């Protein structure tokens, strides 16, 4: 029969392992989504660089394009990190 401190340690270790697995799954999802956004951004960059300066349609400023790209690449990670922190916080409260 386990004593109380050992059972508590096992319980905390189990929660930590579960949290690690969930965090890794979120990381994989974010990486896939970010890679997709990177591919879209590379296509957009090609179009941006190949666009004719005399085109009738105004182009997005390059600095604005880079800023938007940065936000699109980071968003999957920040969203999932926030969700994971809320999940862990809710588990600790329960």
Protein backbone atom coordinates (compact mmCIF):
# COMPACT_ATOMS: atom_id res chain seq x y z
CA UNK A 1 0.00 0.00 0.00
CA UNK A 2 1.32 3.44 -0.96
CA UNK A 3 1.81 6.10 1.63
CA UNK A 4 0.19 9.50 1.16
CA UNK A 5 3.29 11.50 0.03
CA UNK A 6 4.23 8.87 -2.56
CA UNK A 7 0.70 8.87 -3.98
CA UNK A 8 0.79 12.67 -4.23
CA UNK A 9 4.11 12.54 -6.06
CA UNK A 10 2.76 9.97 -8.51
CA UNK A 11 -0.36 12.05 -9.09
CA UNK A 12 1.67 15.21 -9.78
CA UNK A 13 4.05 13.29 -12.04
CA UNK A 14 1.09 11.89 -13.98
CA UNK A 15 -0.40 15.36 -14.44
CA UNK A 16 2.99 16.71 -15.54
CA UNK A 17 3.34 13.94 -18.13
CA UNK A 18 -0.21 14.57 -19.38
CA UNK A 19 0.51 18.31 -19.62
CA UNK A 20 3.69 17.59 -21.56
CA UNK A 21 1.85 15.38 -24.05
CA UNK A 22 -0.88 17.98 -24.58
CA UNK A 23 1.74 20.75 -24.97
CA UNK A 24 3.59 18.68 -27.58
CA UNK A 25 0.36 18.11 -29.52
CA UNK A 26 -0.37 21.84 -29.47
CA UNK A 27 3.20 22.50 -30.66
CA UNK A 28 2.78 20.10 -33.58
CA UNK A 29 -0.52 21.71 -34.56
CA UNK A 30 0.96 25.20 -34.35
CA UNK A 31 4.01 24.17 -36.38
CA UNK A 32 1.84 22.73 -39.15
CA UNK A 33 -0.33 25.84 -39.25
CA UNK A 34 2.71 28.13 -39.17
CA UNK A 35 4.38 26.18 -42.00
CA UNK A 36 1.24 26.60 -44.07
CA UNK A 37 1.24 30.34 -43.36
CA UNK A 38 4.92 30.47 -44.33
CA UNK A 39 4.16 28.82 -47.67
CA UNK A 40 1.38 31.33 -48.29
CA UNK A 41 3.72 34.17 -47.36
CA UNK A 42 6.42 32.95 -49.73
CA UNK A 43 3.86 32.88 -52.54
CA UNK A 44 2.74 36.36 -51.55
CA UNK A 45 6.34 37.57 -51.51
CA UNK A 46 6.90 36.22 -55.02
CA UNK A 47 3.79 38.03 -56.22
CA UNK A 48 4.84 41.18 -54.39
CA UNK A 49 8.32 41.16 -55.93
CA UNK A 50 7.08 40.22 -59.40
CA UNK A 51 4.34 42.85 -59.48
CA UNK A 52 4.83 45.53 -62.05
CA UNK A 53 5.39 48.98 -60.56
CA UNK A 54 3.04 50.41 -63.16
CA UNK A 55 0.20 48.14 -62.09
CA UNK A 56 -3.12 49.83 -61.57
CA UNK A 57 -3.77 48.03 -58.31
CA UNK A 58 -1.84 49.52 -55.36
CA UNK A 59 0.58 47.15 -53.65
CA UNK A 60 0.95 46.64 -49.96
CA UNK A 61 4.06 48.29 -48.53
CA UNK A 62 6.86 45.78 -48.07
CA UNK A 63 7.25 46.57 -44.36
CA UNK A 64 3.49 46.04 -43.88
CA UNK A 65 3.76 42.76 -45.76
CA UNK A 66 6.59 41.59 -43.47
CA UNK A 67 4.71 42.65 -40.34
CA UNK A 68 1.57 40.81 -41.45
CA UNK A 69 3.65 37.74 -42.28
CA UNK A 70 5.30 37.79 -38.85
CA UNK A 71 1.90 37.97 -37.16
CA UNK A 72 0.55 35.11 -39.26
CA UNK A 73 3.55 32.94 -38.40
CA UNK A 74 3.44 33.63 -34.65
CA UNK A 75 -0.32 33.54 -34.14
CA UNK A 76 -0.69 29.72 -34.06
CA UNK A 77 1.92 29.45 -31.30
CA UNK A 78 0.57 32.27 -29.16
CA UNK A 79 -3.04 31.09 -29.46
CA UNK A 80 -2.22 27.54 -28.49
CA UNK A 81 0.06 28.64 -25.66
CA UNK A 82 -2.75 30.78 -24.19
CA UNK A 83 -5.20 27.90 -24.54
CA UNK A 84 -2.73 25.48 -22.91
CA UNK A 85 -2.12 27.86 -19.97
CA UNK A 86 -5.89 28.19 -19.43
CA UNK A 87 -6.26 24.41 -19.57
CA UNK A 88 -3.52 23.89 -16.97
CA UNK A 89 -4.94 26.66 -14.78
CA UNK A 90 -8.41 25.05 -14.90
CA UNK A 91 -6.93 21.65 -13.98
CA UNK A 92 -5.06 23.15 -11.03
CA UNK A 93 -8.25 24.81 -9.81
CA UNK A 94 -10.18 21.53 -9.96
